[in-house]
Amino acid sequence: MAVVCPAILADSLDQYHQEMERVAHFAQRIQIDLTDGMFAASTTVKPEQVWWPVGIMADFHLMYKNPLPAAQIILEHRPHMIIVHAEAEGNFMEVVGYCKSLEVKVGVALLPATAPRVIIPALEIIDHVLIFSGDLGNYGGRTNLDLLAKIGPLKTAKPNLEIGWDGGINDQNISQLVGGGVDVLNVGGFIQKSEDPLHAFESLQRIADETGTT
């Protein structure tokens, strides 16, 4: 079944704490977005400042030009997964090596213009592919449903591959995303900017569940 995964995107420790508190009492899995000010123009809290409550699975989406140093810091705390961009620089196999040595999953994010064929040769060592349809380093991205076409080639190459989506998810498009093959729905603004984050989360998860059973 598809899972709704609240996102954390904060440029200060106060904002980070506030966003985590909004979702910590109901989220089972979260995505923490970090940027370096280069790959993404905005800058978030630093890797050494992050934390998450015990019992929550934490995925880290690293919008970094060179993600390895940030990944090494985060891996000290044993997250569920590290996601780096296919478009990033540095040695991807080093990131994989560090993650696998600690039994942490590896994800790769694809910007809208990046075709799946770029990473298909490496899918054997990739656990998750994040289809990015957002605005790097900001909430409020637009859901480009044309990007769902990327899922077919990825699933053909690796049927058990977990597919994530990041960008503009709301109650009007989530059923199309789940129906199109998305497994993990990383939701930022729709939950974080809601007056009732729990209600926003539950409404999305209910639609996802209903879509998955039809």
Protein backbone atom coordinates (compact mmCIF):
# COMPACT_ATOMS: atom_id res chain seq x y z
CA MET A 1 0.00 0.00 0.00
CA ALA A 2 1.13 3.54 -0.72
CA VAL A 3 2.27 5.56 2.27
CA VAL A 4 1.96 9.29 2.90
CA CYS A 5 5.26 10.60 4.18
CA PRO A 6 5.27 14.13 5.68
CA ALA A 7 8.24 16.26 4.67
CA ILE A 8 10.41 18.56 6.78
CA LEU A 9 12.05 21.52 5.03
CA ALA A 10 13.42 24.16 7.39
CA ASP A 11 15.95 26.96 7.15
CA SER A 12 16.32 27.42 10.91
CA LEU A 13 16.38 25.25 14.01
CA ASP A 14 13.18 26.87 15.28
CA GLN A 15 11.35 26.09 12.06
CA TYR A 16 12.76 22.57 12.03
CA HIS A 17 11.46 21.96 15.55
CA GLN A 18 8.04 23.39 14.69
CA GLU A 19 7.66 21.30 11.54
CA MET A 20 8.76 18.14 13.31
CA GLU A 21 6.34 18.78 16.15
CA ARG A 22 3.47 19.20 13.68
CA VAL A 23 3.85 15.65 12.38
CA ALA A 24 5.72 13.65 15.02
CA HIS A 25 2.60 12.48 16.84
CA PHE A 26 1.11 10.73 13.80
CA ALA A 27 3.81 10.13 11.17
CA GLN A 28 5.37 6.69 10.89
CA ARG A 29 7.75 7.76 8.15
CA ILE A 30 9.08 11.22 7.30
CA GLN A 31 11.29 12.79 4.66
CA ILE A 32 13.81 15.36 5.85
CA ASP A 33 14.92 17.65 3.04
CA LEU A 34 18.37 19.21 3.26
CA THR A 35 19.97 21.65 0.82
CA ASP A 36 23.46 23.08 0.46
CA GLY A 37 22.78 26.45 -1.18
CA MET A 38 24.49 25.26 -4.38
CA PHE A 39 22.59 22.34 -5.89
CA ALA A 40 19.48 24.06 -4.56
CA ALA A 41 19.66 27.82 -4.14
CA SER A 42 18.12 27.84 -0.67
CA THR A 43 19.88 26.66 2.50
CA THR A 44 18.32 24.49 5.17
CA VAL A 45 19.52 23.41 8.60
CA LYS A 46 22.82 21.55 8.53
CA PRO A 47 23.22 17.76 8.70
CA GLU A 48 24.72 17.92 12.19
CA GLN A 49 21.62 19.76 13.45
CA VAL A 50 18.99 17.26 12.42
CA TRP A 51 17.10 14.91 14.73
CA TRP A 52 13.92 12.88 14.63
CA PRO A 53 11.78 11.13 17.26
CA VAL A 54 12.49 7.53 18.21
CA GLY A 55 10.25 5.12 16.33
CA ILE A 56 9.87 7.18 13.16
CA MET A 57 11.51 6.05 9.94
CA ALA A 58 13.53 8.98 8.59
CA ASP A 59 14.44 9.32 4.92
CA PHE A 60 16.91 12.07 4.00
CA HIS A 61 16.60 13.79 0.63
CA LEU A 62 19.98 15.44 0.08
CA MET A 63 19.76 18.25 -2.47
CA TYR A 64 23.54 18.57 -2.39
CA LYS A 65 26.09 19.15 -5.12
CA ASN A 66 28.40 16.71 -3.31
CA PRO A 67 26.25 14.65 -0.90
CA LEU A 68 28.89 12.34 0.59
CA PRO A 69 30.05 14.51 3.54
CA ALA A 70 26.45 15.23 4.57
CA ALA A 71 25.52 11.56 4.22
CA GLN A 72 28.41 10.50 6.46
CA ILE A 73 27.21 12.82 9.24
CA ILE A 74 23.60 11.65 8.99
CA LEU A 75 24.55 7.99 8.84
CA GLU A 76 25.97 8.22 12.35
CA HIS A 77 22.33 8.28 13.52
CA ARG A 78 21.15 5.35 11.38
CA PRO A 79 18.34 6.80 9.24
CA HIS A 80 16.04 4.58 7.23
CA MET A 81 17.31 5.87 3.88
CA ILE A 82 19.62 8.37 2.19
CA ILE A 83 18.43 9.82 -1.14
CA VAL A 84 20.92 11.58 -3.39
CA HIS A 85 20.38 13.14 -6.81
CA ALA A 86 21.38 11.46 -10.04
CA GLU A 87 22.52 14.92 -11.14
CA ALA A 88 24.86 15.40 -8.16
CA GLU A 89 28.64 15.28 -8.31
CA GLY A 90 30.99 13.07 -6.33
CA ASN A 91 31.38 9.31 -6.10
CA PHE A 92 27.97 7.65 -5.90
CA MET A 93 29.50 4.28 -5.07
CA GLU A 94 31.10 5.76 -1.96
CA VAL A 95 27.67 6.87 -0.76
CA VAL A 96 26.31 3.39 -1.49
CA GLY A 97 29.19 1.77 0.34
CA TYR A 98 28.69 3.79 3.50
CA CYS A 99 24.94 3.19 3.46
CA LYS A 100 25.14 -0.54 2.84
CA SER A 101 27.78 -1.01 5.52
CA LEU A 102 25.25 0.32 8.05
CA GLU A 103 22.21 -1.40 6.49
CA VAL A 104 20.72 1.93 5.43
CA LYS A 105 18.74 2.02 2.19
CA VAL A 106 19.87 4.01 -0.83
CA GLY A 107 17.60 6.19 -2.95
CA VAL A 108 18.23 8.25 -6.07
CA ALA A 109 16.20 11.32 -7.03
CA LEU A 110 15.56 12.34 -10.62
CA LEU A 111 14.95 15.95 -11.61
CA PRO A 112 12.17 16.42 -14.19
CA ALA A 113 14.54 16.55 -17.16
CA THR A 114 16.49 13.42 -16.13
CA ALA A 115 15.48 10.21 -17.90
CA PRO A 116 15.30 6.86 -16.05
CA ARG A 117 17.87 5.35 -18.42
CA VAL A 118 20.56 7.33 -16.57
CA ILE A 119 20.23 5.13 -13.49
CA ILE A 120 18.78 1.87 -14.82
CA PRO A 121 22.26 0.24 -15.04
CA ALA A 122 22.68 0.85 -11.28
CA LEU A 123 19.23 -0.26 -10.10
CA GLU A 124 20.64 -3.46 -8.61
CA ILE A 125 22.14 -1.39 -5.78
CA ILE A 126 19.31 1.18 -5.53
CA ASP A 127 16.35 0.62 -3.20
CA HIS A 128 14.23 3.65 -4.05
CA VAL A 129 13.82 6.16 -6.88
CA LEU A 130 12.34 9.57 -6.06
CA ILE A 131 10.60 11.26 -8.96
CA PHE A 132 11.05 14.97 -8.29
CA SER A 133 8.39 17.34 -9.59
CA GLY A 134 8.94 20.16 -7.14
CA ASP A 135 10.85 23.38 -6.68
CA LEU A 136 14.28 22.52 -5.24
CA GLY A 137 14.50 23.68 -1.66
CA ASN A 138 10.95 25.07 -1.44
CA TYR A 139 7.43 23.91 -0.66
CA GLY A 140 4.69 24.44 -3.22
CA GLY A 141 5.97 22.55 -6.22
CA ARG A 142 3.73 21.62 -9.13
CA THR A 143 2.70 18.05 -9.75
CA ASN A 144 3.59 17.26 -13.34
CA LEU A 145 1.70 14.04 -13.98
CA ASP A 146 3.61 13.52 -17.24
CA LEU A 147 6.53 12.43 -15.06
CA LEU A 148 4.60 9.29 -14.13
CA ALA A 149 5.85 7.94 -17.44
CA LYS A 150 9.22 7.40 -15.76
CA ILE A 151 7.80 4.65 -13.57
CA GLY A 152 7.22 2.09 -16.34
CA PRO A 153 10.86 1.73 -17.42
CA LEU A 154 12.03 1.68 -13.80
CA LYS A 155 9.57 -1.02 -12.74
CA THR A 156 10.30 -3.06 -15.86
CA ALA A 157 13.97 -3.05 -14.98
CA LYS A 158 13.35 -3.77 -11.28
CA PRO A 159 9.77 -4.80 -10.40
CA ASN A 160 10.22 -4.52 -6.62
CA LEU A 161 11.74 -1.02 -6.78
CA GLU A 162 10.13 1.46 -4.39
CA ILE A 163 8.98 4.64 -6.16
CA GLY A 164 8.68 7.96 -4.35
CA TRP A 165 7.19 11.27 -5.50
CA ASP A 166 8.07 14.76 -4.33
CA GLY A 167 6.26 17.87 -5.53
CA GLY A 168 2.80 19.37 -5.22
CA ILE A 169 0.90 16.44 -3.74
CA ASN A 170 -2.62 17.28 -2.55
CA ASP A 171 -6.07 15.73 -2.21
CA GLN A 172 -6.85 16.47 -5.87
CA ASN A 173 -3.99 14.51 -7.44
CA ILE A 174 -2.93 11.84 -4.95
CA SER A 175 -5.21 9.19 -6.43
CA GLN A 176 -3.62 9.69 -9.86
CA LEU A 177 -0.15 9.35 -8.36
CA VAL A 178 -1.00 6.15 -6.49
CA GLY A 179 -2.80 4.77 -9.53
CA GLY A 180 0.26 5.60 -11.59
CA GLY A 181 2.52 3.47 -9.41
CA VAL A 182 3.88 5.78 -6.68
CA ASP A 183 4.59 3.95 -3.41
CA VAL A 184 5.81 6.80 -1.16
CA LEU A 185 4.11 10.20 -1.32
CA ASN A 186 6.34 12.86 0.20
CA VAL A 187 4.05 15.70 1.19
CA GLY A 188 5.29 19.11 2.30
CA GLY A 189 3.08 22.16 2.05
CA PHE A 190 -0.29 20.41 2.03
CA ILE A 191 0.42 19.07 5.53
CA GLN A 192 2.84 21.64 6.97
CA LYS A 193 0.75 24.65 5.93
CA SER A 194 -2.55 23.13 7.02
CA GLU A 195 -4.39 24.42 10.08
CA ASP A 196 -4.91 20.76 11.01
CA PRO A 197 -1.89 18.70 9.88
CA LEU A 198 -3.32 15.44 11.23
CA HIS A 199 -6.55 15.88 9.28
CA ALA A 200 -4.59 16.75 6.12
CA PHE A 201 -2.44 13.64 6.56
CA GLU A 202 -5.38 11.36 7.25
CA SER A 203 -7.36 12.64 4.28
CA LEU A 204 -4.45 11.94 1.96
CA GLN A 205 -3.76 8.50 3.40
CA ARG A 206 -7.43 7.58 3.14
CA ILE A 207 -7.50 8.47 -0.56
CA ALA A 208 -4.27 6.57 -1.12
CA ASP A 209 -5.68 3.50 0.65
CA GLU A 210 -8.93 3.64 -1.31
CA THR A 211 -7.05 4.00 -4.59
CA GLY A 212 -4.78 1.10 -3.77
CA THR A 213 -7.69 -1.27 -3.19
CA THR A 214 -9.59 -0.49 -6.39
